[in-house]
């Protein structure tokens, strides 16, 4: 995954940034309580609900500075596809 410079919660102490996949997987783990979470996992197979999707997208959106619609997560075949969508939104901002 590409790494885009952003400031805020996903900035690392050494001045680097968190890769989109790392950010998404961490937030999905936080919200669903499932671990480990892998890119090939289906959000629904992790027990994700529509409310979880809203929470995940709001948290990610705040961290990267753009809106992420919950339907993008709900419509994604797996977390890898969602990561691609988030990465594109991150790059476009």
N, C-alpha and C. Protein backbone atom coordinates (compact mmCIF):
# COMPACT_ATOMS: atom_id res chain seq x y z
N UNK A 1 0.84 -1.18 0.00
CA UNK A 1 0.00 0.00 0.00
C UNK A 1 0.88 1.24 0.00
N UNK A 2 0.40 2.28 -0.59
CA UNK A 2 1.18 3.51 -0.59
C UNK A 2 1.04 4.21 0.75
N UNK A 3 2.02 5.05 1.03
CA UNK A 3 2.02 5.79 2.29
C UNK A 3 1.96 7.28 1.93
N UNK A 4 0.95 7.96 2.43
CA UNK A 4 0.77 9.38 2.14
C UNK A 4 1.01 10.17 3.41
N UNK A 5 1.69 11.31 3.27
CA UNK A 5 1.96 12.14 4.44
C UNK A 5 0.68 12.79 4.91
N UNK A 6 0.41 12.63 6.20
CA UNK A 6 -0.68 13.34 6.81
C UNK A 6 -0.28 13.67 8.23
N UNK A 7 -0.89 14.66 8.78
CA UNK A 7 -0.64 15.01 10.18
C UNK A 7 -1.83 14.56 10.99
N UNK A 8 -1.64 14.46 12.29
CA UNK A 8 -2.75 14.09 13.15
C UNK A 8 -2.51 12.79 13.85
N UNK A 9 -3.59 12.10 14.18
CA UNK A 9 -3.53 10.89 14.99
C UNK A 9 -2.72 9.77 14.37
N UNK A 10 -2.60 9.74 13.07
CA UNK A 10 -1.88 8.62 12.48
C UNK A 10 -0.42 8.95 12.18
N UNK A 11 0.05 10.10 12.64
CA UNK A 11 1.47 10.41 12.52
C UNK A 11 2.23 9.64 13.60
N UNK A 12 3.36 9.08 13.23
CA UNK A 12 4.18 8.34 14.17
C UNK A 12 5.12 9.29 14.90
N UNK A 13 5.59 8.92 16.10
CA UNK A 13 6.48 9.80 16.85
C UNK A 13 7.75 10.19 16.08
N UNK A 14 8.22 9.33 15.18
CA UNK A 14 9.44 9.64 14.43
C UNK A 14 9.17 10.50 13.21
N UNK A 15 7.94 10.98 13.05
CA UNK A 15 7.60 11.85 11.94
C UNK A 15 7.07 11.11 10.73
N UNK A 16 7.06 9.77 10.75
CA UNK A 16 6.51 8.99 9.65
C UNK A 16 4.99 8.96 9.75
N UNK A 17 4.38 8.15 8.93
CA UNK A 17 2.94 8.04 8.99
C UNK A 17 2.54 6.57 8.93
N UNK A 18 1.33 6.30 9.35
CA UNK A 18 0.81 4.95 9.37
C UNK A 18 0.29 4.62 7.97
N UNK A 19 0.67 3.47 7.45
CA UNK A 19 0.15 3.03 6.16
C UNK A 19 -1.35 2.81 6.27
N UNK A 20 -2.04 3.00 5.18
CA UNK A 20 -3.49 2.87 5.17
C UNK A 20 -3.93 1.50 5.67
N UNK A 21 -3.29 0.44 5.22
CA UNK A 21 -3.69 -0.91 5.66
C UNK A 21 -3.53 -1.05 7.16
N UNK A 22 -2.43 -0.56 7.72
CA UNK A 22 -2.23 -0.64 9.17
C UNK A 22 -3.31 0.12 9.91
N UNK A 23 -3.64 1.30 9.44
CA UNK A 23 -4.68 2.12 10.06
C UNK A 23 -6.02 1.41 10.03
N UNK A 24 -6.42 0.93 8.85
CA UNK A 24 -7.72 0.26 8.71
C UNK A 24 -7.79 -0.98 9.60
N UNK A 25 -6.77 -1.81 9.55
CA UNK A 25 -6.80 -3.04 10.35
C UNK A 25 -6.83 -2.73 11.84
N UNK A 26 -6.12 -1.71 12.27
CA UNK A 26 -6.12 -1.33 13.68
C UNK A 26 -7.50 -0.85 14.12
N UNK A 27 -8.13 -0.03 13.31
CA UNK A 27 -9.45 0.50 13.67
C UNK A 27 -10.50 -0.63 13.65
N UNK A 28 -10.43 -1.51 12.66
CA UNK A 28 -11.37 -2.64 12.62
C UNK A 28 -11.19 -3.51 13.86
N UNK A 29 -9.96 -3.74 14.27
CA UNK A 29 -9.69 -4.52 15.48
C UNK A 29 -10.28 -3.82 16.70
N UNK A 30 -10.07 -2.51 16.82
CA UNK A 30 -10.61 -1.74 17.95
C UNK A 30 -12.12 -1.86 18.03
N UNK A 31 -12.78 -1.67 16.91
CA UNK A 31 -14.24 -1.62 16.91
C UNK A 31 -14.87 -2.99 17.05
N UNK A 32 -14.36 -3.98 16.34
CA UNK A 32 -14.98 -5.32 16.38
C UNK A 32 -14.51 -6.16 17.54
N UNK A 33 -13.34 -5.85 18.07
CA UNK A 33 -12.78 -6.67 19.15
C UNK A 33 -12.20 -7.98 18.66
N UNK A 34 -12.11 -8.15 17.35
CA UNK A 34 -11.57 -9.38 16.76
C UNK A 34 -10.07 -9.22 16.53
N UNK A 35 -9.33 -10.29 16.76
CA UNK A 35 -7.90 -10.26 16.52
C UNK A 35 -7.42 -11.68 16.28
N UNK A 36 -6.56 -11.93 15.34
CA UNK A 36 -6.00 -10.96 14.40
C UNK A 36 -6.99 -10.67 13.26
N UNK A 37 -6.81 -9.51 12.68
CA UNK A 37 -7.61 -9.09 11.52
C UNK A 37 -6.66 -9.00 10.35
N UNK A 38 -7.02 -9.65 9.24
CA UNK A 38 -6.18 -9.67 8.04
C UNK A 38 -6.90 -9.02 6.86
N UNK A 39 -6.14 -8.52 5.89
CA UNK A 39 -6.77 -7.89 4.72
C UNK A 39 -7.74 -8.81 3.98
N UNK A 40 -7.50 -10.10 3.99
CA UNK A 40 -8.37 -11.03 3.27
C UNK A 40 -9.67 -11.33 4.02
N UNK A 41 -9.79 -10.83 5.25
CA UNK A 41 -11.00 -11.09 6.04
C UNK A 41 -12.18 -10.29 5.52
N UNK A 42 -13.34 -10.91 5.58
CA UNK A 42 -14.59 -10.22 5.27
C UNK A 42 -15.05 -9.49 6.54
N UNK A 43 -15.50 -8.26 6.39
CA UNK A 43 -16.01 -7.50 7.51
C UNK A 43 -17.13 -8.26 8.21
N UNK A 44 -18.00 -8.87 7.45
CA UNK A 44 -19.13 -9.58 8.04
C UNK A 44 -18.69 -10.87 8.73
N UNK A 45 -17.66 -11.54 8.20
CA UNK A 45 -17.14 -12.74 8.86
C UNK A 45 -16.51 -12.40 10.21
N UNK A 46 -16.10 -11.16 10.39
CA UNK A 46 -15.56 -10.72 11.68
C UNK A 46 -16.67 -10.37 12.66
N UNK A 47 -17.91 -10.50 12.22
CA UNK A 47 -19.05 -10.16 13.07
C UNK A 47 -19.43 -8.70 13.00
N UNK A 48 -18.92 -8.01 11.98
CA UNK A 48 -19.20 -6.58 11.83
C UNK A 48 -20.66 -6.31 11.53
N UNK A 49 -21.16 -5.22 12.10
CA UNK A 49 -22.53 -4.78 11.89
C UNK A 49 -22.52 -3.43 11.17
N UNK A 50 -23.69 -2.98 10.78
CA UNK A 50 -23.76 -1.67 10.12
C UNK A 50 -23.34 -0.56 11.08
N UNK A 51 -23.66 -0.68 12.35
CA UNK A 51 -23.23 0.31 13.32
C UNK A 51 -21.71 0.29 13.47
N UNK A 52 -21.12 -0.91 13.47
CA UNK A 52 -19.65 -1.01 13.48
C UNK A 52 -19.05 -0.32 12.26
N UNK A 53 -19.67 -0.51 11.10
CA UNK A 53 -19.16 0.10 9.87
C UNK A 53 -19.17 1.62 9.98
N UNK A 54 -20.23 2.17 10.55
CA UNK A 54 -20.30 3.63 10.74
C UNK A 54 -19.19 4.08 11.68
N UNK A 55 -19.01 3.37 12.78
CA UNK A 55 -17.96 3.73 13.74
C UNK A 55 -16.57 3.66 13.10
N UNK A 56 -16.32 2.59 12.37
CA UNK A 56 -15.02 2.41 11.70
C UNK A 56 -14.77 3.55 10.71
N UNK A 57 -15.75 3.83 9.88
CA UNK A 57 -15.57 4.86 8.85
C UNK A 57 -15.42 6.25 9.46
N UNK A 58 -16.13 6.54 10.53
CA UNK A 58 -15.97 7.83 11.20
C UNK A 58 -14.58 7.97 11.80
N UNK A 59 -14.09 6.93 12.45
CA UNK A 59 -12.75 6.98 13.05
C UNK A 59 -11.66 7.14 11.99
N UNK A 60 -11.78 6.35 10.93
CA UNK A 60 -10.78 6.45 9.86
C UNK A 60 -10.86 7.82 9.20
N UNK A 61 -12.07 8.27 8.92
CA UNK A 61 -12.24 9.58 8.30
C UNK A 61 -11.63 10.71 9.11
N UNK A 62 -11.81 10.67 10.43
CA UNK A 62 -11.20 11.69 11.29
C UNK A 62 -9.68 11.62 11.23
N UNK A 63 -9.15 10.41 11.18
CA UNK A 63 -7.69 10.24 11.20
C UNK A 63 -7.04 10.67 9.89
N UNK A 64 -7.74 10.50 8.77
CA UNK A 64 -7.12 10.86 7.49
C UNK A 64 -7.63 12.18 6.92
N UNK A 65 -8.62 12.77 7.59
CA UNK A 65 -9.09 14.09 7.18
C UNK A 65 -10.04 14.11 6.00
N UNK A 66 -10.80 13.05 5.82
CA UNK A 66 -11.80 13.02 4.75
C UNK A 66 -12.93 12.09 5.15
N UNK A 67 -14.09 12.26 4.53
CA UNK A 67 -15.23 11.41 4.84
C UNK A 67 -15.11 10.06 4.13
N UNK A 68 -15.43 9.01 4.87
CA UNK A 68 -15.49 7.66 4.31
C UNK A 68 -16.90 7.17 4.58
N UNK A 69 -17.65 6.90 3.54
CA UNK A 69 -19.03 6.45 3.69
C UNK A 69 -19.04 4.99 4.13
N UNK A 70 -19.88 4.67 5.10
CA UNK A 70 -19.97 3.31 5.64
C UNK A 70 -20.34 2.28 4.57
N UNK A 71 -21.06 2.71 3.54
CA UNK A 71 -21.42 1.75 2.49
C UNK A 71 -20.19 1.22 1.76
N UNK A 72 -19.10 2.00 1.77
CA UNK A 72 -17.89 1.50 1.10
C UNK A 72 -17.35 0.28 1.82
N UNK A 73 -17.44 0.27 3.14
CA UNK A 73 -17.02 -0.90 3.90
C UNK A 73 -18.03 -2.03 3.74
N UNK A 74 -19.29 -1.70 3.86
CA UNK A 74 -20.34 -2.73 3.75
C UNK A 74 -20.35 -3.39 2.38
N UNK A 75 -19.99 -2.66 1.34
CA UNK A 75 -20.00 -3.19 -0.02
C UNK A 75 -18.68 -3.84 -0.44
N UNK A 76 -17.65 -3.73 0.40
CA UNK A 76 -16.35 -4.30 0.05
C UNK A 76 -16.34 -5.81 0.25
N UNK A 77 -15.75 -6.51 -0.71
CA UNK A 77 -15.66 -7.97 -0.63
C UNK A 77 -14.84 -8.42 0.58
N UNK A 78 -13.76 -7.68 0.85
CA UNK A 78 -12.91 -7.98 2.00
C UNK A 78 -12.26 -6.68 2.46
N UNK A 79 -11.49 -6.76 3.53
CA UNK A 79 -10.86 -5.55 4.05
C UNK A 79 -9.82 -4.99 3.10
N UNK A 80 -9.19 -5.84 2.29
CA UNK A 80 -8.21 -5.35 1.31
C UNK A 80 -8.88 -4.41 0.31
N UNK A 81 -10.07 -4.74 -0.13
CA UNK A 81 -10.79 -3.86 -1.06
C UNK A 81 -11.16 -2.55 -0.38
N UNK A 82 -11.54 -2.61 0.89
CA UNK A 82 -11.85 -1.40 1.65
C UNK A 82 -10.59 -0.54 1.81
N UNK A 83 -9.47 -1.17 2.08
CA UNK A 83 -8.19 -0.44 2.20
C UNK A 83 -7.90 0.32 0.91
N UNK A 84 -8.12 -0.30 -0.23
CA UNK A 84 -7.88 0.37 -1.51
C UNK A 84 -8.75 1.62 -1.65
N UNK A 85 -10.02 1.50 -1.24
CA UNK A 85 -10.94 2.64 -1.31
C UNK A 85 -10.48 3.75 -0.39
N UNK A 86 -10.10 3.39 0.83
CA UNK A 86 -9.63 4.39 1.79
C UNK A 86 -8.33 5.03 1.30
N UNK A 87 -7.44 4.23 0.75
CA UNK A 87 -6.18 4.75 0.23
C UNK A 87 -6.43 5.76 -0.90
N UNK A 88 -7.39 5.46 -1.76
CA UNK A 88 -7.73 6.39 -2.85
C UNK A 88 -8.31 7.68 -2.30
N UNK A 89 -9.16 7.58 -1.29
CA UNK A 89 -9.74 8.79 -0.67
C UNK A 89 -8.66 9.60 0.03
N UNK A 90 -7.74 8.91 0.64
CA UNK A 90 -6.62 9.57 1.34
C UNK A 90 -5.73 10.32 0.34
N UNK A 91 -5.48 9.71 -0.78
CA UNK A 91 -4.64 10.33 -1.82
C UNK A 91 -5.32 11.52 -2.47
N UNK A 92 -6.65 11.49 -2.55
CA UNK A 92 -7.42 12.53 -3.24
C UNK A 92 -7.63 13.78 -2.40
N UNK A 93 -7.40 13.69 -1.13
CA UNK A 93 -7.69 14.85 -0.28
C UNK A 93 -6.63 15.90 -0.37
